[in-house]
N, C-alpha and C. Protein backbone atom coordinates (compact mmCIF):
# COMPACT_ATOMS: atom_id res chain seq x y z
N MET A 1 37.03 129.04 65.81
CA MET A 1 37.61 127.77 65.42
C MET A 1 37.01 127.39 64.06
N ASN A 2 37.85 127.04 63.14
CA ASN A 2 37.37 126.68 61.81
C ASN A 2 37.05 125.19 61.73
N VAL A 3 36.64 124.74 60.57
CA VAL A 3 36.19 123.36 60.38
C VAL A 3 37.32 122.37 60.58
N SER A 4 38.52 122.67 60.08
CA SER A 4 39.63 121.73 60.24
C SER A 4 40.05 121.62 61.71
N GLY A 5 40.02 122.70 62.45
CA GLY A 5 40.33 122.65 63.88
C GLY A 5 39.31 121.83 64.64
N LEU A 6 38.06 121.99 64.28
CA LEU A 6 36.99 121.22 64.91
C LEU A 6 37.11 119.73 64.57
N ALA A 7 37.54 119.44 63.34
CA ALA A 7 37.74 118.05 62.94
C ALA A 7 38.87 117.42 63.75
N TYR A 8 39.96 118.15 63.99
CA TYR A 8 41.06 117.63 64.79
C TYR A 8 40.61 117.35 66.23
N VAL A 9 39.82 118.25 66.78
CA VAL A 9 39.32 118.05 68.15
C VAL A 9 38.40 116.84 68.20
N ALA A 10 37.51 116.70 67.24
CA ALA A 10 36.59 115.56 67.21
C ALA A 10 37.35 114.26 67.04
N PHE A 11 38.37 114.25 66.19
CA PHE A 11 39.17 113.05 65.98
C PHE A 11 39.94 112.68 67.24
N THR A 12 40.48 113.66 67.94
CA THR A 12 41.20 113.42 69.19
C THR A 12 40.27 112.85 70.25
N VAL A 13 39.09 113.40 70.36
CA VAL A 13 38.11 112.90 71.33
C VAL A 13 37.70 111.47 70.97
N LEU A 14 37.50 111.21 69.69
CA LEU A 14 37.14 109.86 69.24
C LEU A 14 38.23 108.86 69.58
N LEU A 15 39.49 109.21 69.32
CA LEU A 15 40.59 108.31 69.65
C LEU A 15 40.71 108.08 71.16
N ALA A 16 40.47 109.13 71.95
CA ALA A 16 40.51 108.99 73.41
C ALA A 16 39.40 108.06 73.89
N LEU A 17 38.21 108.17 73.31
CA LEU A 17 37.10 107.30 73.70
C LEU A 17 37.37 105.85 73.32
N ILE A 18 37.92 105.64 72.14
CA ILE A 18 38.24 104.28 71.71
C ILE A 18 39.31 103.68 72.61
N SER A 19 40.34 104.45 72.91
CA SER A 19 41.42 103.96 73.78
C SER A 19 40.90 103.63 75.17
N SER A 20 40.08 104.51 75.72
CA SER A 20 39.55 104.23 77.06
C SER A 20 38.60 103.03 77.04
N GLY A 21 37.88 102.83 75.96
CA GLY A 21 37.02 101.66 75.84
C GLY A 21 37.82 100.37 75.81
N ILE A 22 38.93 100.37 75.07
CA ILE A 22 39.80 99.19 75.01
C ILE A 22 40.40 98.90 76.38
N ILE A 23 40.84 99.93 77.06
CA ILE A 23 41.42 99.76 78.40
C ILE A 23 40.38 99.23 79.38
N ALA A 24 39.18 99.79 79.34
CA ALA A 24 38.11 99.33 80.24
C ALA A 24 37.73 97.88 79.94
N TYR A 25 37.71 97.50 78.67
CA TYR A 25 37.38 96.13 78.29
C TYR A 25 38.47 95.17 78.77
N TYR A 26 39.72 95.55 78.59
CA TYR A 26 40.83 94.66 78.94
C TYR A 26 40.94 94.48 80.45
N TYR A 27 40.77 95.53 81.22
CA TYR A 27 40.94 95.45 82.66
C TYR A 27 39.64 95.14 83.41
N ASN A 28 38.62 94.70 82.72
CA ASN A 28 37.37 94.31 83.35
C ASN A 28 37.62 93.09 84.25
N PRO A 29 37.19 93.14 85.50
CA PRO A 29 37.43 92.01 86.41
C PRO A 29 36.86 90.68 85.92
N LYS A 30 35.83 90.70 85.11
CA LYS A 30 35.25 89.46 84.61
C LYS A 30 36.20 88.74 83.65
N ARG A 31 37.14 89.46 83.05
CA ARG A 31 38.06 88.87 82.08
C ARG A 31 39.39 88.46 82.71
N LYS A 32 39.56 88.67 84.00
CA LYS A 32 40.84 88.41 84.64
C LYS A 32 41.30 86.96 84.45
N GLN A 33 40.42 86.01 84.62
CA GLN A 33 40.79 84.60 84.49
C GLN A 33 41.30 84.30 83.08
N LYS A 34 40.64 84.84 82.09
CA LYS A 34 41.04 84.59 80.70
C LYS A 34 42.39 85.26 80.38
N ILE A 35 42.62 86.42 80.96
CA ILE A 35 43.87 87.14 80.71
C ILE A 35 45.03 86.47 81.43
N GLU A 36 44.79 85.98 82.63
CA GLU A 36 45.85 85.38 83.43
C GLU A 36 46.17 83.94 83.02
N ALA A 37 45.30 83.29 82.29
CA ALA A 37 45.48 81.87 81.94
C ALA A 37 46.79 81.60 81.18
N PRO A 38 47.17 82.37 80.17
CA PRO A 38 48.44 82.06 79.47
C PRO A 38 49.66 82.16 80.39
N LYS A 39 49.63 83.08 81.34
CA LYS A 39 50.75 83.22 82.27
C LYS A 39 50.90 81.96 83.11
N HIS A 40 49.79 81.46 83.62
CA HIS A 40 49.83 80.27 84.44
C HIS A 40 50.16 79.02 83.62
N ARG A 41 49.68 78.98 82.39
CA ARG A 41 49.98 77.86 81.52
C ARG A 41 51.47 77.82 81.19
N MET A 42 52.11 78.97 81.04
CA MET A 42 53.53 79.04 80.73
C MET A 42 54.36 78.56 81.93
N LEU A 43 53.87 78.79 83.14
CA LEU A 43 54.63 78.43 84.34
C LEU A 43 54.41 76.98 84.75
N ASP A 44 53.39 76.32 84.23
CA ASP A 44 53.14 74.92 84.57
C ASP A 44 54.23 74.01 84.00
N ASP A 45 54.51 72.96 84.72
CA ASP A 45 55.47 71.97 84.23
C ASP A 45 54.83 71.10 83.18
N ASP A 46 55.62 70.68 82.21
CA ASP A 46 55.10 69.82 81.16
C ASP A 46 55.04 68.35 81.61
N ASN A 47 55.81 68.00 82.60
CA ASN A 47 55.89 66.60 83.03
C ASN A 47 54.75 66.25 83.94
């Protein structure tokens, strides 16, 4: 494997790690209330 092939593999692994980190951060149970709040606010009556 040459240097450019190794760079592609490293970049792919880096992107996979970043994506999995974002997913883990977003679906963390501690953040559920903050994520669900806009949905409940949209369904509340204004009156």
